[in-house]
Structures are given as structure tokens and as C-alpha cells.
Amino acid sequence: MQKKVKVYSTSSCPYCRMLKDFLDANSISYESFDVGTDAAKREEMMNKSEQMGVPVTDIGGRIIIGFDREAIKEELGI
């Protein structure tokens, strides 16, 4: 069973787009939150990651900051 994946991003972030393209290319479903427009999700992201930078990926409770392809692959087992 695939771990639940949440992506916290902004519409203007190129690394966020790269992350989503990577997940799409690997057929990984995910929930996406635009923290540029959603204050509640921005607060949630900051509480999880303890910082403001995007993207932040929550994979089954493991927080990965930035587009760290290897850490994401490892956590998803791909």
C-alpha cells in the first residue's frame, strides 16, 4: 500500500513543479496544498517542517524539505 503523500508548495516555485512532475511521472498520487494562498496549510507546513521554504513533502509522516529526489525515492520505495 502506498504511503500518503502531501505536497506543500507555491504556484511560483520551480522546485515545487519539478517535485510534482516527478511524482506524476512515477504514478504517485498526492494531495497538493498551495501555501501561498492557504494560510491554514501554510501554518500546518510550518509546524511540520519548522521553516518557510517550499516544497515540503510529507510522506507517511516523514518530512522532506526541498526537492530531494533520492530521499523521496527511498521513502516511497521507487
C-alpha atoms as a PDB file:
ATOM      1  CA  MET A   1       0.000   0.000   0.000  1.00  0.00           C
ATOM      2  CA  GLN A   2       1.307   3.416  -0.942  1.00  0.00           C
ATOM      3  CA  LYS A   3       2.118   5.840   1.835  1.00  0.00           C
ATOM      4  CA  LYS A   4       0.023   9.005   1.993  1.00  0.00           C
ATOM      5  CA  VAL A   5       1.840  11.872   0.272  1.00  0.00           C
ATOM      6  CA  LYS A   6       1.171  15.564   0.891  1.00  0.00           C
ATOM      7  CA  VAL A   7       2.957  18.310  -1.035  1.00  0.00           C
ATOM      8  CA  TYR A   8       3.103  21.858   0.337  1.00  0.00           C
ATOM      9  CA  SER A   9       4.084  24.272  -2.421  1.00  0.00           C
ATOM     10  CA  THR A  10       3.515  27.628  -4.084  1.00  0.00           C
ATOM     11  CA  SER A  11       2.458  28.323  -7.653  1.00  0.00           C
ATOM     12  CA  SER A  12       5.658  30.256  -8.453  1.00  0.00           C
ATOM     13  CA  CYS A  13       8.177  27.694  -7.120  1.00  0.00           C
ATOM     14  CA  PRO A  14      10.115  25.843  -9.861  1.00  0.00           C
ATOM     15  CA  TYR A  15      11.264  23.099  -7.471  1.00  0.00           C
ATOM     16  CA  CYS A  16       7.644  22.507  -6.474  1.00  0.00           C
ATOM     17  CA  ARG A  17       6.762  21.957 -10.154  1.00  0.00           C
ATOM     18  CA  MET A  18       9.726  19.577 -10.534  1.00  0.00           C
ATOM     19  CA  LEU A  19       8.589  17.623  -7.473  1.00  0.00           C
ATOM     20  CA  LYS A  20       5.029  17.265  -8.776  1.00  0.00           C
ATOM     21  CA  ASP A  21       6.282  16.289 -12.244  1.00  0.00           C
ATOM     22  CA  PHE A  22       8.491  13.636 -10.621  1.00  0.00           C
ATOM     23  CA  LEU A  23       5.587  12.232  -8.591  1.00  0.00           C
ATOM     24  CA  ASP A  24       3.317  12.249 -11.657  1.00  0.00           C
ATOM     25  CA  ALA A  25       5.970  10.507 -13.786  1.00  0.00           C
ATOM     26  CA  ASN A  26       6.205   7.758 -11.147  1.00  0.00           C
ATOM     27  CA  SER A  27       2.402   7.417 -10.811  1.00  0.00           C
ATOM     28  CA  ILE A  28       2.481   8.555  -7.168  1.00  0.00           C
ATOM     29  CA  SER A  29      -0.806  10.068  -6.042  1.00  0.00           C
ATOM     30  CA  TYR A  30      -0.567  13.025  -3.682  1.00  0.00           C
ATOM     31  CA  GLU A  31      -2.508  15.844  -2.093  1.00  0.00           C
ATOM     32  CA  SER A  32      -1.230  19.277  -3.070  1.00  0.00           C
ATOM     33  CA  PHE A  33      -1.616  22.413  -0.980  1.00  0.00           C
ATOM     34  CA  ASP A  34      -0.765  25.938  -2.180  1.00  0.00           C
ATOM     35  CA  VAL A  35       0.671  27.550   0.935  1.00  0.00           C
ATOM     36  CA  GLY A  36       0.834  30.862  -0.922  1.00  0.00           C
ATOM     37  CA  THR A  37      -2.947  31.149  -0.775  1.00  0.00           C
ATOM     38  CA  ASP A  38      -3.967  28.764   2.042  1.00  0.00           C
ATOM     39  CA  ALA A  39      -2.970  30.218   5.426  1.00  0.00           C
ATOM     40  CA  ALA A  40      -4.125  27.156   7.383  1.00  0.00           C
ATOM     41  CA  LYS A  41      -1.996  24.797   5.260  1.00  0.00           C
ATOM     42  CA  ARG A  42       0.947  27.227   5.468  1.00  0.00           C
ATOM     43  CA  GLU A  43       0.676  27.050   9.270  1.00  0.00           C
ATOM     44  CA  GLU A  44       0.442  23.236   9.106  1.00  0.00           C
ATOM     45  CA  MET A  45       3.543  23.100   6.879  1.00  0.00           C
ATOM     46  CA  MET A  46       5.499  25.403   9.204  1.00  0.00           C
ATOM     47  CA  ASN A  47       4.546  23.280  12.219  1.00  0.00           C
ATOM     48  CA  LYS A  48       5.725  20.111  10.460  1.00  0.00           C
ATOM     49  CA  SER A  49       8.917  21.457   8.887  1.00  0.00           C
ATOM     50  CA  GLU A  50       9.821  24.293  11.305  1.00  0.00           C
ATOM     51  CA  GLN A  51      10.662  26.536   8.337  1.00  0.00           C
ATOM     52  CA  MET A  52       9.073  28.559   5.498  1.00  0.00           C
ATOM     53  CA  GLY A  53      10.774  27.145   2.396  1.00  0.00           C
ATOM     54  CA  VAL A  54       8.921  25.100  -0.206  1.00  0.00           C
ATOM     55  CA  PRO A  55       8.421  22.464  -1.336  1.00  0.00           C
ATOM     56  CA  VAL A  56       7.790  20.407   1.773  1.00  0.00           C
ATOM     57  CA  THR A  57       6.724  16.805   1.246  1.00  0.00           C
ATOM     58  CA  ASP A  58       5.060  14.717   3.951  1.00  0.00           C
ATOM     59  CA  ILE A  59       5.359  11.019   3.081  1.00  0.00           C
ATOM     60  CA  GLY A  60       3.608   8.941   5.696  1.00  0.00           C
ATOM     61  CA  GLY A  61       4.739  11.357   8.402  1.00  0.00           C
ATOM     62  CA  ARG A  62       8.347  11.757   7.209  1.00  0.00           C
ATOM     63  CA  ILE A  63       9.037  15.369   6.297  1.00  0.00           C
ATOM     64  CA  ILE A  64      11.319  16.059   3.331  1.00  0.00           C
ATOM     65  CA  ILE A  65      12.287  19.684   2.729  1.00  0.00           C
ATOM     66  CA  GLY A  66      13.060  20.770  -0.819  1.00  0.00           C
ATOM     67  CA  PHE A  67      13.074  18.548  -3.896  1.00  0.00           C
ATOM     68  CA  ASP A  68      15.352  15.789  -2.553  1.00  0.00           C
ATOM     69  CA  ARG A  69      14.818  13.193  -5.285  1.00  0.00           C
ATOM     70  CA  GLU A  70      16.851  10.449  -3.568  1.00  0.00           C
ATOM     71  CA  ALA A  71      15.162  10.842  -0.174  1.00  0.00           C
ATOM     72  CA  ILE A  72      11.733  10.819  -1.852  1.00  0.00           C
ATOM     73  CA  LYS A  73      12.581   7.716  -3.897  1.00  0.00           C
ATOM     74  CA  GLU A  74      13.894   5.963  -0.798  1.00  0.00           C
ATOM     75  CA  GLU A  75      10.828   6.820   1.278  1.00  0.00           C
ATOM     76  CA  LEU A  76       8.439   5.699  -1.491  1.00  0.00           C
ATOM     77  CA  GLY A  77      10.452   2.590  -2.344  1.00  0.00           C
ATOM     78  CA  ILE A  78      10.883   3.501  -6.027  1.00  0.00           C
END
